[in-house]
Protein backbone atom coordinates (compact mmCIF):
# COMPACT_ATOMS: atom_id res chain seq x y z
CA UNK A 1 0.00 0.00 0.00
CA UNK A 2 1.35 3.41 -0.83
CA UNK A 3 1.93 5.93 1.90
CA UNK A 4 -0.82 8.27 0.68
CA UNK A 5 -3.47 5.53 0.30
CA UNK A 6 -6.31 5.27 2.75
CA UNK A 7 -6.49 2.06 4.82
CA UNK A 8 -8.94 -0.46 3.42
CA UNK A 9 -9.24 1.30 0.08
CA UNK A 10 -9.79 -1.08 -2.84
CA UNK A 11 -7.75 0.88 -5.34
CA UNK A 12 -4.41 0.14 -3.68
CA UNK A 13 -5.18 -2.63 -1.18
CA UNK A 14 -2.99 -5.68 -1.87
CA UNK A 15 -5.37 -8.05 -0.05
CA UNK A 16 -7.78 -7.75 -3.00
CA UNK A 17 -6.76 -10.14 -5.81
CA UNK A 18 -4.77 -8.45 -8.60
CA UNK A 19 -7.46 -9.15 -11.21
CA UNK A 20 -10.08 -7.35 -9.12
CA UNK A 21 -7.74 -4.46 -8.27
CA UNK A 22 -7.11 -3.94 -11.99
CA UNK A 23 -10.78 -3.37 -12.88
CA UNK A 24 -11.45 -1.40 -9.72
CA UNK A 25 -8.68 1.03 -10.67
CA UNK A 26 -10.40 1.70 -14.01
CA UNK A 27 -13.51 3.09 -12.29
CA UNK A 28 -12.96 6.85 -11.90
CA UNK A 29 -12.71 8.35 -8.44
CA UNK A 30 -13.42 5.28 -6.30
CA UNK A 31 -10.39 5.71 -4.08
CA UNK A 32 -12.14 8.25 -1.88
CA UNK A 33 -15.38 6.39 -1.26
CA UNK A 34 -15.08 2.63 -1.90
CA UNK A 35 -13.70 0.53 0.94
CA UNK A 36 -13.75 -3.04 2.22
CA UNK A 37 -16.96 -3.97 3.97
CA UNK A 38 -17.12 -5.58 7.38
CA UNK A 39 -19.71 -7.94 5.90
CA UNK A 40 -17.05 -9.86 3.97
CA UNK A 41 -15.51 -10.32 0.52
CA UNK A 42 -18.82 -10.22 -1.33
CA UNK A 43 -19.52 -6.65 -0.22
CA UNK A 44 -17.96 -3.22 -0.56
CA UNK A 45 -18.58 -0.21 1.66
CA UNK A 46 -19.49 3.17 0.21
CA UNK A 47 -18.19 5.78 2.62
CA UNK A 48 -20.20 8.55 0.94
CA UNK A 49 -23.54 6.77 1.34
CA UNK A 50 -22.53 4.89 4.50
CA UNK A 51 -23.87 1.62 3.10
CA UNK A 52 -22.65 -1.84 2.12
CA UNK A 53 -22.95 -2.85 -1.54
CA UNK A 54 -23.35 -6.44 -2.68
CA UNK A 55 -20.68 -6.92 -5.35
CA UNK A 56 -20.62 -10.70 -5.64
CA UNK A 57 -22.91 -10.95 -8.68
CA UNK A 58 -21.51 -8.46 -11.18
CA UNK A 59 -18.61 -6.78 -9.34
CA UNK A 60 -17.59 -3.85 -11.52
CA UNK A 61 -21.14 -3.40 -12.87
CA UNK A 62 -22.52 -3.29 -9.31
CA UNK A 63 -20.02 -0.59 -8.35
CA UNK A 64 -20.61 1.45 -11.49
CA UNK A 65 -24.40 1.17 -11.06
CA UNK A 66 -24.12 2.39 -7.46
CA UNK A 67 -21.81 5.26 -8.45
CA UNK A 68 -24.42 6.53 -10.94
CA UNK A 69 -27.36 6.24 -8.53
CA UNK A 70 -29.18 9.28 -7.20
CA UNK A 71 -28.38 8.53 -3.53
CA UNK A 72 -24.66 8.27 -4.27
CA UNK A 73 -24.54 11.35 -6.49
CA UNK A 74 -26.38 13.38 -3.85
CA UNK A 75 -24.00 12.15 -1.13
CA UNK A 76 -20.90 12.91 -3.19
CA UNK A 77 -22.20 16.40 -4.04
CA UNK A 78 -22.95 17.12 -0.38
CA UNK A 79 -19.54 15.89 0.73
CA UNK A 80 -17.75 18.00 -1.85
CA UNK A 81 -19.50 21.13 -0.58
CA UNK A 82 -18.59 20.52 3.07
CA UNK A 83 -15.77 22.57 4.48
CA UNK A 84 -13.01 20.79 6.33
CA UNK A 85 -11.25 22.09 9.43
CA UNK A 86 -8.31 23.01 7.25
CA UNK A 87 -10.54 25.20 5.05
CA UNK A 88 -11.91 27.22 7.95
CA UNK A 89 -10.27 30.48 8.96
CA UNK A 90 -8.22 30.33 12.13
C-alpha atoms as a PDB file:
ATOM      1  CA  UNK A   1       0.000   0.000   0.000  1.00  0.00           C
ATOM      2  CA  UNK A   2       1.345   3.410  -0.827  1.00  0.00           C
ATOM      3  CA  UNK A   3       1.930   5.928   1.904  1.00  0.00           C
ATOM      4  CA  UNK A   4      -0.825   8.273   0.675  1.00  0.00           C
ATOM      5  CA  UNK A   5      -3.469   5.535   0.300  1.00  0.00           C
ATOM      6  CA  UNK A   6      -6.313   5.271   2.746  1.00  0.00           C
ATOM      7  CA  UNK A   7      -6.490   2.063   4.822  1.00  0.00           C
ATOM      8  CA  UNK A   8      -8.942  -0.456   3.420  1.00  0.00           C
ATOM      9  CA  UNK A   9      -9.236   1.299   0.076  1.00  0.00           C
ATOM     10  CA  UNK A  10      -9.792  -1.075  -2.841  1.00  0.00           C
ATOM     11  CA  UNK A  11      -7.747   0.878  -5.345  1.00  0.00           C
ATOM     12  CA  UNK A  12      -4.414   0.135  -3.680  1.00  0.00           C
ATOM     13  CA  UNK A  13      -5.177  -2.628  -1.183  1.00  0.00           C
ATOM     14  CA  UNK A  14      -2.993  -5.683  -1.865  1.00  0.00           C
ATOM     15  CA  UNK A  15      -5.372  -8.054  -0.049  1.00  0.00           C
ATOM     16  CA  UNK A  16      -7.779  -7.748  -2.997  1.00  0.00           C
ATOM     17  CA  UNK A  17      -6.763 -10.139  -5.814  1.00  0.00           C
ATOM     18  CA  UNK A  18      -4.771  -8.449  -8.598  1.00  0.00           C
ATOM     19  CA  UNK A  19      -7.462  -9.145 -11.208  1.00  0.00           C
ATOM     20  CA  UNK A  20     -10.081  -7.346  -9.118  1.00  0.00           C
ATOM     21  CA  UNK A  21      -7.738  -4.462  -8.269  1.00  0.00           C
ATOM     22  CA  UNK A  22      -7.113  -3.943 -11.989  1.00  0.00           C
ATOM     23  CA  UNK A  23     -10.775  -3.374 -12.883  1.00  0.00           C
ATOM     24  CA  UNK A  24     -11.446  -1.402  -9.715  1.00  0.00           C
ATOM     25  CA  UNK A  25      -8.679   1.030 -10.665  1.00  0.00           C
ATOM     26  CA  UNK A  26     -10.400   1.698 -14.006  1.00  0.00           C
ATOM     27  CA  UNK A  27     -13.510   3.086 -12.292  1.00  0.00           C
ATOM     28  CA  UNK A  28     -12.960   6.846 -11.903  1.00  0.00           C
ATOM     29  CA  UNK A  29     -12.707   8.351  -8.439  1.00  0.00           C
ATOM     30  CA  UNK A  30     -13.422   5.278  -6.303  1.00  0.00           C
ATOM     31  CA  UNK A  31     -10.393   5.715  -4.082  1.00  0.00           C
ATOM     32  CA  UNK A  32     -12.142   8.247  -1.875  1.00  0.00           C
ATOM     33  CA  UNK A  33     -15.382   6.389  -1.261  1.00  0.00           C
ATOM     34  CA  UNK A  34     -15.085   2.630  -1.904  1.00  0.00           C
ATOM     35  CA  UNK A  35     -13.704   0.534   0.939  1.00  0.00           C
ATOM     36  CA  UNK A  36     -13.753  -3.036   2.216  1.00  0.00           C
ATOM     37  CA  UNK A  37     -16.956  -3.971   3.971  1.00  0.00           C
ATOM     38  CA  UNK A  38     -17.116  -5.576   7.377  1.00  0.00           C
ATOM     39  CA  UNK A  39     -19.715  -7.943   5.900  1.00  0.00           C
ATOM     40  CA  UNK A  40     -17.050  -9.861   3.967  1.00  0.00           C
ATOM     41  CA  UNK A  41     -15.509 -10.317   0.525  1.00  0.00           C
ATOM     42  CA  UNK A  42     -18.820 -10.216  -1.334  1.00  0.00           C
ATOM     43  CA  UNK A  43     -19.516  -6.646  -0.222  1.00  0.00           C
ATOM     44  CA  UNK A  44     -17.956  -3.220  -0.560  1.00  0.00           C
ATOM     45  CA  UNK A  45     -18.585  -0.207   1.658  1.00  0.00           C
ATOM     46  CA  UNK A  46     -19.492   3.174   0.213  1.00  0.00           C
ATOM     47  CA  UNK A  47     -18.194   5.782   2.625  1.00  0.00           C
ATOM     48  CA  UNK A  48     -20.198   8.552   0.938  1.00  0.00           C
ATOM     49  CA  UNK A  49     -23.545   6.766   1.337  1.00  0.00           C
ATOM     50  CA  UNK A  50     -22.528   4.893   4.500  1.00  0.00           C
ATOM     51  CA  UNK A  51     -23.874   1.622   3.104  1.00  0.00           C
ATOM     52  CA  UNK A  52     -22.654  -1.836   2.116  1.00  0.00           C
ATOM     53  CA  UNK A  53     -22.946  -2.848  -1.541  1.00  0.00           C
ATOM     54  CA  UNK A  54     -23.348  -6.441  -2.680  1.00  0.00           C
ATOM     55  CA  UNK A  55     -20.684  -6.918  -5.355  1.00  0.00           C
ATOM     56  CA  UNK A  56     -20.623 -10.699  -5.643  1.00  0.00           C
ATOM     57  CA  UNK A  57     -22.906 -10.946  -8.677  1.00  0.00           C
ATOM     58  CA  UNK A  58     -21.515  -8.461 -11.176  1.00  0.00           C
ATOM     59  CA  UNK A  59     -18.610  -6.775  -9.336  1.00  0.00           C
ATOM     60  CA  UNK A  60     -17.591  -3.847 -11.521  1.00  0.00           C
ATOM     61  CA  UNK A  61     -21.140  -3.403 -12.865  1.00  0.00           C
ATOM     62  CA  UNK A  62     -22.525  -3.291  -9.310  1.00  0.00           C
ATOM     63  CA  UNK A  63     -20.021  -0.589  -8.350  1.00  0.00           C
ATOM     64  CA  UNK A  64     -20.614   1.452 -11.492  1.00  0.00           C
ATOM     65  CA  UNK A  65     -24.396   1.173 -11.058  1.00  0.00           C
ATOM     66  CA  UNK A  66     -24.120   2.394  -7.464  1.00  0.00           C
ATOM     67  CA  UNK A  67     -21.812   5.264  -8.450  1.00  0.00           C
ATOM     68  CA  UNK A  68     -24.418   6.530 -10.942  1.00  0.00           C
ATOM     69  CA  UNK A  69     -27.362   6.239  -8.531  1.00  0.00           C
ATOM     70  CA  UNK A  70     -29.180   9.284  -7.199  1.00  0.00           C
ATOM     71  CA  UNK A  71     -28.381   8.527  -3.534  1.00  0.00           C
ATOM     72  CA  UNK A  72     -24.661   8.273  -4.265  1.00  0.00           C
ATOM     73  CA  UNK A  73     -24.545  11.345  -6.492  1.00  0.00           C
ATOM     74  CA  UNK A  74     -26.379  13.382  -3.852  1.00  0.00           C
ATOM     75  CA  UNK A  75     -23.997  12.151  -1.130  1.00  0.00           C
ATOM     76  CA  UNK A  76     -20.896  12.914  -3.195  1.00  0.00           C
ATOM     77  CA  UNK A  77     -22.197  16.398  -4.042  1.00  0.00           C
ATOM     78  CA  UNK A  78     -22.952  17.122  -0.380  1.00  0.00           C
ATOM     79  CA  UNK A  79     -19.541  15.885   0.727  1.00  0.00           C
ATOM     80  CA  UNK A  80     -17.748  17.999  -1.852  1.00  0.00           C
ATOM     81  CA  UNK A  81     -19.496  21.128  -0.577  1.00  0.00           C
ATOM     82  CA  UNK A  82     -18.587  20.518   3.068  1.00  0.00           C
ATOM     83  CA  UNK A  83     -15.766  22.571   4.478  1.00  0.00           C
ATOM     84  CA  UNK A  84     -13.015  20.790   6.334  1.00  0.00           C
ATOM     85  CA  UNK A  85     -11.252  22.087   9.429  1.00  0.00           C
ATOM     86  CA  UNK A  86      -8.309  23.010   7.249  1.00  0.00           C
ATOM     87  CA  UNK A  87     -10.542  25.204   5.046  1.00  0.00           C
ATOM     88  CA  UNK A  88     -11.913  27.218   7.950  1.00  0.00           C
ATOM     89  CA  UNK A  89     -10.272  30.478   8.963  1.00  0.00           C
ATOM     90  CA  UNK A  90      -8.220  30.327  12.127  1.00  0.00           C
END
